[in-house]
Amino acid sequence: MKVEGMHIAGTGAYLPPSMPAERAVELGLYDREAWQASGWTGAAVAGDVPAPEMAVLAARRALACSGHRTDEIDALFHAYGFHQGAVIWPPQHYVQRKTIGGEAPAFAVYQACNGMLGALELAVGYLRGEGRTAALITGADNFGVPTIDRWSYASGPFRTNRGTILGDGGAALVLSRRPGVAELLALNSASLPDLEEMYRGDLPLFPPEASLGRQIQVGARIAEYAAREPQKLTEAKNRLAKTRTVLGERTLADAGVEPGQITRVTHVFSGGPEYVRSVLGPLGIDPDKGMLELGRGLGHLGTADHVLSLDHLLRTGQVRPGDHVLMASNGASFVTCALFRISGVLGEHDTPEGK
């Protein structure tokens, strides 16, 4: 859909130090052959910094350069792809209490790797209500727990073009009805519910896996599904790729922007160029415009890849006013594409006063 009157007023990120992949191999944490085949050079490791706290740190930075007072934030959306802390506990309210306070509605959004872009679409709809000004969108994940191995959680006897490892980090943006550093031109999303079986494998729905304290192996689930339904696996992967391309083409058309006008593209972080080509190539965009080099040194950051990438591009001056940035995302069975025109430079606003 074409979007009018929606802008990013500020972005922020929290990124912990990265452990070199070669060091992880030396320590026996990362399989040497997998490392050599994948292209990953490191993974951001947050230690015991909780995911919601990383979201808070990113949000404070986004608010500080947004030009908005905290009492101008009409809603908060917190996205995540992994456990956030206590069970039966609202992490979005922790983020709210530590950032904007007040009584604005706060929502938790789970769309796996697509979460922050799913939250973006929800925020656009919310801000169309009368008298609303801005929304804070946050996302963070910390995968450093015994039940998941960041270096091998996705491994298995099936072909992928990413060989994913996991990194920790948080990101945030302030979406506003006022002009800011980037204007949202178009946004489209879709769900592929048939793919849920691929990510579930043969696991029972009860008791919940998280309650069992056992190792989480997404790769093993997909491998089981591949052995049981090989044709369906191929069809599912093809359908996901096709949907992402169709949404990308629709988003470009809705914005009135040609592929050659795209300056950079954010995507799910990958260690190798094949995945980036698979995302950008069908859209007619040079794969060199992707975020391969940034992502391969951090690992896949769960829900934060896209907004952290945009924050990085803005803060390093790699995009300037007039440039276009396309976000082409997929997470589990969710797909979103968003297109922005850069319209300002971060840091032009004063730090807002807190409540």
Protein backbone atom coordinates (compact mmCIF):
# COMPACT_ATOMS: atom_id res chain seq x y z
CA MET A 1 0.00 0.00 0.00
CA LYS A 2 1.08 3.55 -0.61
CA VAL A 3 1.73 5.41 2.65
CA GLU A 4 1.46 9.15 3.17
CA GLY A 5 2.29 11.34 6.12
CA MET A 6 4.39 8.80 8.06
CA HIS A 7 8.03 9.47 8.93
CA ILE A 8 10.86 8.06 11.00
CA ALA A 9 11.81 10.77 13.47
CA GLY A 10 14.71 8.88 15.05
CA THR A 11 16.43 5.51 15.23
CA GLY A 12 18.62 3.85 17.81
CA ALA A 13 20.46 0.58 18.39
CA TYR A 14 22.25 -1.36 21.07
CA LEU A 15 24.93 -3.74 19.85
CA PRO A 16 27.21 -5.73 22.19
CA PRO A 17 30.74 -6.80 21.24
CA SER A 18 31.06 -9.48 18.57
CA MET A 19 32.82 -12.80 19.19
CA PRO A 20 34.94 -13.71 16.14
CA ALA A 21 33.66 -16.85 14.45
CA GLU A 22 37.21 -18.16 14.20
CA ARG A 23 37.54 -17.90 17.98
CA ALA A 24 34.28 -19.82 18.40
CA VAL A 25 35.73 -22.55 16.18
CA GLU A 26 38.90 -22.68 18.29
CA LEU A 27 36.79 -23.03 21.44
CA GLY A 28 34.81 -25.88 19.93
CA LEU A 29 31.59 -23.86 19.87
CA TYR A 30 31.26 -23.64 16.08
CA ASP A 31 31.80 -26.41 13.58
CA ARG A 32 34.80 -25.62 11.38
CA GLU A 33 33.23 -26.92 8.16
CA ALA A 34 30.03 -24.96 8.80
CA TRP A 35 32.07 -21.81 9.42
CA GLN A 36 34.10 -22.24 6.23
CA ALA A 37 30.95 -22.85 4.19
CA SER A 38 28.83 -20.05 5.63
CA GLY A 39 30.88 -16.86 5.51
CA TRP A 40 30.00 -15.69 9.03
CA THR A 41 32.82 -13.75 10.68
CA GLY A 42 31.33 -13.20 14.12
CA ALA A 43 28.30 -13.06 16.38
CA ALA A 44 27.31 -10.24 18.74
CA VAL A 45 27.16 -11.63 22.28
CA ALA A 46 25.37 -9.66 25.00
CA GLY A 47 26.23 -11.85 27.95
CA ASP A 48 23.68 -11.31 30.72
CA VAL A 49 22.20 -8.06 29.35
CA PRO A 50 18.46 -8.84 29.11
CA ALA A 51 16.72 -8.37 25.78
CA PRO A 52 14.22 -5.81 27.13
CA GLU A 53 17.11 -3.78 28.57
CA MET A 54 18.78 -3.71 25.14
CA ALA A 55 15.46 -2.46 23.74
CA VAL A 56 15.42 0.28 26.39
CA LEU A 57 18.94 1.42 25.54
CA ALA A 58 18.11 1.51 21.83
CA ALA A 59 14.83 3.32 22.48
CA ARG A 60 16.47 6.03 24.55
CA ARG A 61 18.83 6.73 21.69
CA ALA A 62 15.99 6.85 19.16
CA LEU A 63 13.96 9.19 21.37
CA ALA A 64 16.95 11.44 21.98
CA CYS A 65 17.30 12.30 18.30
CA SER A 66 13.60 12.22 17.40
CA GLY A 67 12.59 15.72 18.49
CA HIS A 68 9.62 14.24 20.38
CA ARG A 69 8.88 14.58 24.06
CA THR A 70 8.00 11.33 25.76
CA ASP A 71 4.42 12.52 26.35
CA GLU A 72 4.01 12.81 22.57
CA ILE A 73 4.42 9.05 22.11
CA ASP A 74 0.91 7.66 21.70
CA ALA A 75 1.75 3.94 21.62
CA LEU A 76 4.61 1.51 22.07
CA PHE A 77 5.15 -1.68 20.08
CA HIS A 78 7.79 -4.13 21.34
CA ALA A 79 8.80 -6.95 18.98
CA TYR A 80 10.80 -10.05 19.79
CA GLY A 81 11.66 -13.48 18.46
CA PHE A 82 12.89 -15.21 21.62
CA HIS A 83 12.11 -15.34 25.34
CA GLN A 84 12.31 -11.93 27.02
CA GLY A 85 12.43 -12.77 30.72
CA ALA A 86 9.85 -13.98 33.21
CA VAL A 87 6.99 -16.18 32.03
CA ILE A 88 3.53 -14.56 32.09
CA TRP A 89 5.10 -11.09 32.10
CA PRO A 90 4.67 -8.13 29.71
CA PRO A 91 8.13 -7.08 28.46
CA GLN A 92 6.56 -4.18 26.57
CA HIS A 93 5.62 -2.58 29.87
CA TYR A 94 9.18 -2.88 31.15
CA VAL A 95 10.35 -1.04 28.03
CA GLN A 96 7.60 1.54 28.49
CA ARG A 97 8.36 2.12 32.16
CA LYS A 98 12.06 2.66 31.40
CA THR A 99 11.51 4.98 28.41
CA ILE A 100 8.27 6.91 27.88
CA GLY A 101 6.34 6.05 31.03
CA GLY A 102 2.75 7.24 31.08
CA GLU A 103 -0.36 5.29 30.15
CA ALA A 104 -0.10 4.98 26.36
CA PRO A 105 -1.10 1.50 25.17
CA ALA A 106 1.85 -0.86 24.79
CA PHE A 107 1.71 -3.93 22.57
CA ALA A 108 3.92 -7.01 22.26
CA VAL A 109 4.45 -8.23 18.68
CA TYR A 110 5.66 -11.71 17.79
CA GLN A 111 6.50 -12.26 14.14
CA ALA A 112 9.93 -13.86 14.63
CA CYS A 113 12.55 -12.14 12.43
CA ASN A 114 9.84 -9.97 10.85
CA GLY A 115 8.65 -8.55 14.16
CA MET A 116 9.80 -4.95 13.92
CA LEU A 117 8.41 -4.54 10.42
CA GLY A 118 5.15 -6.15 11.48
CA ALA A 119 5.07 -3.65 14.33
CA LEU A 120 5.73 -0.87 11.82
CA GLU A 121 2.60 -1.80 9.88
CA LEU A 122 0.55 -1.87 13.08
CA ALA A 123 1.94 1.51 14.12
CA VAL A 124 1.03 3.06 10.76
CA GLY A 125 -2.56 1.98 11.26
CA TYR A 126 -2.60 3.19 14.85
CA LEU A 127 -1.25 6.65 14.03
CA ARG A 128 -3.97 7.21 11.45
CA GLY A 129 -6.35 7.73 14.37
CA GLU A 130 -7.37 11.31 15.07
CA GLY A 131 -5.07 13.29 17.34
CA ARG A 132 -2.20 10.78 17.35
CA THR A 133 1.35 11.94 16.75
CA ALA A 134 4.04 9.29 17.21
CA ALA A 135 4.74 5.67 18.18
CA LEU A 136 7.84 4.01 19.60
CA ILE A 137 8.81 0.67 18.05
CA THR A 138 11.41 -1.48 19.79
CA GLY A 139 12.85 -4.94 19.27
CA ALA A 140 15.53 -7.03 20.93
CA ASP A 141 16.67 -10.61 21.47
CA ASN A 142 19.36 -12.28 23.58
CA PHE A 143 20.04 -15.88 22.58
CA GLY A 144 22.71 -16.57 25.21
CA VAL A 145 20.88 -19.26 27.18
CA PRO A 146 21.68 -22.98 27.63
CA THR A 147 18.61 -24.14 25.70
CA ILE A 148 19.77 -22.70 22.38
CA ASP A 149 23.14 -22.92 20.64
CA ARG A 150 23.68 -19.73 18.68
CA TRP A 151 26.27 -21.44 16.48
CA SER A 152 24.22 -24.48 15.40
CA TYR A 153 20.52 -24.00 16.18
CA ALA A 154 19.60 -24.05 12.48
CA SER A 155 21.95 -26.82 11.37
CA GLY A 156 20.50 -29.92 9.76
CA PRO A 157 20.64 -32.15 6.69
CA PHE A 158 18.74 -29.79 4.42
CA ARG A 159 19.92 -27.13 2.01
CA THR A 160 19.73 -23.47 2.96
CA ASN A 161 21.55 -20.47 1.55
CA ARG A 162 22.26 -18.87 4.94
CA GLY A 163 23.55 -21.43 7.46
CA THR A 164 22.29 -19.12 10.18
CA ILE A 165 24.02 -18.28 13.45
CA LEU A 166 22.48 -16.00 16.06
CA GLY A 167 23.63 -12.68 17.47
CA ASP A 168 22.21 -10.49 20.22
CA GLY A 169 21.09 -6.89 19.89
CA GLY A 170 18.33 -4.32 20.07
CA ALA A 171 16.95 -1.56 17.87
CA ALA A 172 14.28 1.12 18.00
CA LEU A 173 12.62 3.78 15.89
CA VAL A 174 10.14 6.57 16.45
CA LEU A 175 7.41 6.66 13.80
CA SER A 176 5.87 10.11 13.53
CA ARG A 177 3.31 12.19 11.68
CA ARG A 178 5.95 14.94 11.56
CA PRO A 179 8.79 15.11 9.02
CA GLY A 180 11.96 13.44 10.23
CA VAL A 181 14.99 11.60 8.89
CA ALA A 182 13.08 9.26 6.55
CA GLU A 183 9.65 9.23 4.93
CA LEU A 184 7.76 5.94 4.63
CA LEU A 185 6.52 5.71 1.04
CA ALA A 186 5.04 2.21 0.84
CA LEU A 187 4.51 -0.87 2.98
CA ASN A 188 3.13 -4.35 2.27
CA SER A 189 2.83 -7.52 4.36
CA ALA A 190 1.62 -11.09 3.93
CA SER A 191 1.36 -14.30 5.94
CA LEU A 192 2.05 -17.82 4.73
CA PRO A 193 0.28 -19.93 7.38
CA ASP A 194 1.01 -23.22 5.63
CA LEU A 195 4.68 -22.74 6.53
CA GLU A 196 4.03 -23.09 10.26
CA GLU A 197 4.27 -26.88 9.91
CA MET A 198 7.75 -26.54 8.44
CA TYR A 199 8.96 -24.63 11.51
CA ARG A 200 7.06 -26.90 13.94
CA GLY A 201 8.16 -30.25 12.54
CA ASP A 202 6.68 -33.13 14.51
CA LEU A 203 6.78 -31.36 17.89
CA PRO A 204 3.61 -31.61 19.98
CA LEU A 205 1.93 -28.34 20.91
CA PHE A 206 1.60 -29.40 24.55
CA PRO A 207 3.42 -29.23 26.81
CA PRO A 208 5.09 -26.10 25.39
CA GLU A 209 8.68 -26.77 24.36
CA ALA A 210 9.94 -23.84 26.44
CA SER A 211 8.65 -25.53 29.59
CA LEU A 212 10.73 -28.67 29.05
CA GLY A 213 14.21 -27.15 29.41
CA ARG A 214 15.57 -29.03 26.43
CA GLN A 215 17.72 -27.85 23.53
CA ILE A 216 15.89 -25.85 20.86
CA GLN A 217 16.90 -27.07 17.39
CA VAL A 218 14.98 -25.37 14.61
CA GLY A 219 17.14 -27.15 12.04
CA ALA A 220 16.09 -30.54 13.36
CA ARG A 221 12.42 -29.60 13.02
CA ILE A 222 12.85 -28.57 9.39
CA ALA A 223 14.93 -31.69 8.71
CA GLU A 224 12.13 -33.88 10.07
CA TYR A 225 9.62 -32.06 7.89
CA ALA A 226 11.92 -32.37 4.88
CA ALA A 227 12.17 -36.13 5.36
CA ARG A 228 8.41 -36.48 5.82
CA GLU A 229 7.23 -33.98 3.20
CA PRO A 230 10.10 -33.32 0.74
CA GLN A 231 7.84 -31.93 -1.98
CA LYS A 232 6.03 -29.65 0.45
CA LEU A 233 9.35 -28.33 1.76
CA THR A 234 10.46 -27.35 -1.74
CA GLU A 235 7.09 -25.75 -2.42
CA ALA A 236 7.19 -23.86 0.88
CA LYS A 237 10.65 -22.40 0.26
CA ASN A 238 9.68 -21.40 -3.28
CA ARG A 239 6.44 -19.83 -2.08
CA LEU A 240 8.25 -17.80 0.57
CA ALA A 241 10.77 -16.48 -1.95
CA LYS A 242 8.07 -15.70 -4.51
CA THR A 243 5.91 -13.87 -1.98
CA ARG A 244 8.85 -11.74 -0.86
CA THR A 245 9.58 -10.83 -4.49
CA VAL A 246 5.94 -10.04 -5.28
CA LEU A 247 5.67 -7.82 -2.20
CA GLY A 248 8.95 -6.12 -3.10
CA GLU A 249 7.73 -5.38 -6.62
CA ARG A 250 4.39 -4.13 -5.28
CA THR A 251 6.11 -1.89 -2.75
CA LEU A 252 8.33 -0.35 -5.42
CA ALA A 253 5.31 0.24 -7.65
CA ASP A 254 3.23 1.72 -4.82
CA ALA A 255 6.04 4.17 -4.05
CA GLY A 256 6.65 5.02 -7.71
CA VAL A 257 10.32 4.06 -7.36
CA GLU A 258 12.34 2.07 -9.89
CA PRO A 259 14.78 -0.67 -8.81
CA GLY A 260 17.67 1.44 -10.07
CA GLN A 261 16.69 4.23 -7.67
CA ILE A 262 17.24 2.04 -4.60
CA THR A 263 20.37 3.08 -2.71
CA ARG A 264 20.48 0.29 -0.10
CA VAL A 265 18.43 -2.74 0.90
CA THR A 266 18.08 -4.17 4.40
CA HIS A 267 17.40 -7.90 4.72
CA VAL A 268 17.66 -10.67 7.25
CA PHE A 269 21.36 -10.91 8.14
CA SER A 270 23.25 -13.58 6.24
CA GLY A 271 26.78 -14.90 6.26
CA GLY A 272 27.00 -15.52 2.54
CA PRO A 273 26.22 -13.70 -0.70
CA GLU A 274 23.85 -16.35 -2.05
CA TYR A 275 21.04 -15.33 0.27
CA VAL A 276 21.46 -11.63 -0.54
CA ARG A 277 21.35 -12.45 -4.26
CA SER A 278 18.20 -14.49 -3.72
CA VAL A 279 16.48 -11.48 -2.13
CA LEU A 280 17.72 -8.64 -4.34
CA GLY A 281 18.31 -10.37 -7.67
CA PRO A 282 14.64 -11.06 -8.51
CA LEU A 283 13.85 -7.40 -7.82
CA GLY A 284 16.49 -6.23 -10.29
CA ILE A 285 18.62 -4.67 -7.55
CA ASP A 286 22.40 -5.02 -7.33
CA PRO A 287 23.23 -7.42 -4.44
CA ASP A 288 26.08 -5.09 -3.46
CA LYS A 289 23.39 -2.72 -2.15
CA GLY A 290 22.55 -5.21 0.61
CA MET A 291 23.93 -5.42 4.13
CA LEU A 292 26.09 -8.54 3.78
CA GLU A 293 29.27 -7.19 5.35
CA LEU A 294 27.51 -5.67 8.35
CA GLY A 295 25.41 -8.73 9.04
CA ARG A 296 28.03 -11.44 8.61
CA GLY A 297 30.03 -9.99 11.51
CA LEU A 298 27.06 -9.86 13.89
CA GLY A 299 24.95 -12.96 13.28
CA HIS A 300 21.20 -12.92 12.71
CA LEU A 301 19.88 -10.60 15.44
CA GLY A 302 16.39 -12.02 15.61
CA THR A 303 13.93 -9.18 15.16
CA ALA A 304 16.42 -6.28 15.02
CA ASP A 305 18.28 -6.78 11.70
CA HIS A 306 16.38 -4.22 9.60
CA VAL A 307 16.11 -1.27 11.98
CA LEU A 308 19.67 -1.76 13.23
CA SER A 309 20.79 -1.71 9.58
CA LEU A 310 18.93 1.54 8.91
CA ASP A 311 20.36 3.10 12.05
CA HIS A 312 23.85 2.04 10.92
CA LEU A 313 23.34 3.50 7.44
CA LEU A 314 22.12 6.81 8.85
CA ARG A 315 24.78 7.18 11.54
CA THR A 316 27.66 6.29 9.21
CA GLY A 317 26.46 8.62 6.46
CA GLN A 318 26.01 5.81 3.93
CA VAL A 319 22.59 7.22 3.01
CA ARG A 320 21.76 10.88 2.56
CA PRO A 321 18.62 12.93 1.85
CA GLY A 322 17.04 11.83 -1.42
CA ASP A 323 18.28 8.23 -1.17
CA HIS A 324 15.86 5.30 -1.08
CA VAL A 325 16.11 2.35 1.31
CA LEU A 326 14.10 -0.82 0.75
CA MET A 327 13.48 -3.28 3.59
CA ALA A 328 12.80 -6.80 2.29
CA SER A 329 12.02 -9.09 5.19
CA ASN A 330 10.83 -12.57 5.97
CA GLY A 331 10.55 -14.28 9.32
CA ALA A 332 9.12 -17.77 9.80
CA SER A 333 5.85 -17.47 7.83
CA PHE A 334 5.67 -13.65 7.75
CA VAL A 335 6.80 -11.33 4.95
CA THR A 336 7.00 -7.52 4.90
CA CYS A 337 8.53 -5.00 2.52
CA ALA A 338 8.85 -1.28 3.28
CA LEU A 339 10.35 1.56 1.26
CA PHE A 340 11.73 4.80 2.70
CA ARG A 341 13.07 8.02 1.23
CA ILE A 342 15.82 9.53 3.37
CA SER A 343 14.93 13.13 4.21
CA GLY A 344 17.26 14.20 7.00
CA VAL A 345 20.28 13.46 9.15
CA LEU A 346 20.20 11.92 12.61
CA GLY A 347 21.19 14.17 15.46
CA GLU A 348 19.60 17.34 14.12
CA HIS A 349 17.13 17.50 17.00
CA ASP A 350 17.68 18.34 20.64
CA THR A 351 17.31 15.63 23.26
CA PRO A 352 13.70 15.67 24.49
CA GLU A 353 12.91 16.19 28.14
CA GLY A 354 11.65 13.18 30.04
CA LYS A 355 8.46 13.17 31.97
